[in-house]
Amino acid sequence: QVQLVESGGGLVQAGGSLRLSCAASGSNLSFNRMGWYRQAPGKGRELVAVITSRAVTKYADSVKGRFTISSGNAKNTAVLQMNSLKPDDTAVYYCAADYSTVGGFDYWGQGTQVTVSS
C-alpha cells in the first residue's frame, strides 16, 4: 500500500522560510508526478506546485518566485522550499503523487501544518 508522509511544517514569521519534504513508501514504481497542495481554513484545496519525472515544474501564481519544488535524492520523494513566506501561505500542506502524467492525483499524504505569523 502506497503511503505518503510529509514533514517540515511549523510556525514561522513572515519573511521566513520552511522546507517541506514528502517521502513515499510501498511503491516499487517511480511516480510520474509529485506535487504539493494546500488548504487554508474555510477555503478549498489548491495546487501549489507540481514536478514531473522529467523535472518539469508548475507553480501557482501566488507562489512563483518564492517556492521551489524539487525531487529528493531518494526515489519517490519531493521537497518544497518555501521562502519569503506570507501570512496568506498559512494552510495545511498536502503531498500528492501519481503514476500517470495527466489528471488527478491518486495518492495523498495526511498533511502538515504551516503557520506564518505577521
Protein backbone atom coordinates (compact mmCIF):
# COMPACT_ATOMS: atom_id res chain seq x y z
CA GLN A 1 0.00 0.00 0.00
CA VAL A 2 1.40 3.36 -1.04
CA GLN A 3 1.76 5.89 1.73
CA LEU A 4 2.99 9.48 1.55
CA VAL A 5 4.42 11.15 4.63
CA GLU A 6 5.06 14.88 4.85
CA SER A 7 7.45 16.58 7.24
CA GLY A 8 8.87 20.03 7.85
CA GLY A 9 5.83 22.12 8.67
CA GLY A 10 5.72 24.51 11.57
CA LEU A 11 5.41 28.11 12.71
CA VAL A 12 7.48 30.84 11.10
CA GLN A 13 7.40 34.61 10.97
CA ALA A 14 6.51 36.45 7.80
CA GLY A 15 9.52 36.66 5.53
CA GLY A 16 10.94 33.41 6.84
CA SER A 17 11.49 30.07 5.18
CA LEU A 18 10.40 26.48 5.61
CA ARG A 19 11.30 23.29 3.80
CA LEU A 20 8.70 20.57 3.37
CA SER A 21 9.62 17.01 2.49
CA CYS A 22 7.50 14.15 1.22
CA ALA A 23 8.53 10.53 1.18
CA ALA A 24 6.58 7.64 -0.30
CA SER A 25 6.65 4.06 0.83
CA GLY A 26 5.09 0.91 -0.54
CA SER A 27 5.76 1.65 -4.21
CA ASN A 28 8.14 -0.28 -6.44
CA LEU A 29 7.49 2.05 -9.35
CA SER A 30 8.51 5.65 -9.74
CA PHE A 31 5.76 8.26 -9.77
CA ASN A 32 5.42 10.35 -12.90
CA ARG A 33 4.23 13.34 -10.92
CA MET A 34 4.55 14.58 -7.37
CA GLY A 35 3.03 17.75 -6.09
CA TRP A 36 2.04 19.91 -3.19
CA TYR A 37 -1.42 21.24 -2.47
CA ARG A 38 -2.62 23.39 0.38
CA GLN A 39 -5.86 24.13 2.14
CA ALA A 40 -6.37 27.21 4.25
CA PRO A 41 -9.16 27.43 6.84
CA GLY A 42 -12.52 27.92 5.15
CA LYS A 43 -11.07 27.52 1.65
CA GLY A 44 -10.78 24.76 -0.89
CA ARG A 45 -7.68 22.76 -1.63
CA GLU A 46 -5.44 24.47 -4.18
CA LEU A 47 -2.43 23.40 -6.19
CA VAL A 48 0.85 24.87 -5.02
CA ALA A 49 3.45 23.16 -7.19
CA VAL A 50 3.96 20.03 -9.27
CA ILE A 51 7.06 18.32 -10.61
CA THR A 52 7.14 15.57 -13.22
CA SER A 53 9.59 12.73 -13.67
CA ARG A 54 11.22 14.84 -16.39
CA ALA A 55 11.71 17.67 -13.90
CA VAL A 56 9.07 19.89 -15.48
CA THR A 57 7.59 22.14 -12.82
CA LYS A 58 4.40 24.13 -12.47
CA TYR A 59 3.53 26.66 -9.78
CA ALA A 60 0.52 28.56 -8.58
CA ASP A 61 0.83 32.25 -9.47
CA SER A 62 0.69 33.14 -5.79
CA VAL A 63 3.94 31.29 -5.01
CA LYS A 64 6.00 31.83 -8.16
CA GLY A 65 9.41 33.21 -7.34
CA ARG A 66 9.10 32.26 -3.67
CA PHE A 67 8.59 28.48 -3.65
CA THR A 68 10.68 25.83 -5.36
CA ILE A 69 9.69 22.20 -5.85
CA SER A 70 12.32 19.57 -6.46
CA SER A 71 12.74 15.84 -6.43
CA GLY A 72 14.52 14.44 -3.43
CA ASN A 73 17.63 12.31 -3.64
CA ALA A 74 15.69 9.11 -2.97
CA LYS A 75 13.12 7.66 -5.33
CA ASN A 76 9.59 8.98 -4.88
CA THR A 77 10.50 11.91 -2.70
CA ALA A 78 9.74 15.59 -3.20
CA VAL A 79 10.82 18.76 -1.49
CA LEU A 80 9.11 22.15 -1.36
CA GLN A 81 11.39 25.02 -0.40
CA MET A 82 9.29 27.97 0.73
CA ASN A 83 10.92 31.38 1.04
CA SER A 84 9.57 34.86 1.75
CA LEU A 85 6.58 33.34 3.47
CA LYS A 86 3.47 35.43 3.96
CA PRO A 87 0.55 35.05 6.39
CA ASP A 88 -1.59 34.10 3.37
CA ASP A 89 0.57 30.99 3.00
CA THR A 90 -0.85 29.64 6.23
CA ALA A 91 -2.51 26.32 5.44
CA VAL A 92 -2.28 22.58 5.73
CA TYR A 93 0.08 21.41 3.01
CA TYR A 94 -0.51 18.04 1.37
CA CYS A 95 1.85 15.96 -0.70
CA ALA A 96 0.32 14.19 -3.70
CA ALA A 97 1.64 11.65 -6.17
CA ASP A 98 0.51 9.74 -9.21
CA TYR A 99 1.84 7.26 -11.74
CA SER A 100 0.02 8.94 -14.61
CA THR A 101 1.12 12.05 -16.47
CA VAL A 102 -2.26 13.77 -16.56
CA GLY A 103 -5.37 14.06 -14.47
CA GLY A 104 -5.80 13.99 -10.74
CA PHE A 105 -3.57 12.51 -8.08
CA ASP A 106 -4.37 9.11 -6.65
CA TYR A 107 -2.15 9.23 -3.59
CA TRP A 108 -2.19 11.79 -0.80
CA GLY A 109 -0.38 12.41 2.45
CA GLN A 110 -2.05 13.35 5.72
CA GLY A 111 -0.88 16.94 5.56
CA THR A 112 1.45 19.15 7.56
CA GLN A 113 0.51 22.49 9.10
CA VAL A 114 2.34 25.63 8.02
CA THR A 115 1.57 28.77 10.01
CA VAL A 116 3.05 32.14 9.09
CA SER A 117 2.70 34.86 11.68
CA SER A 118 2.66 38.55 10.81
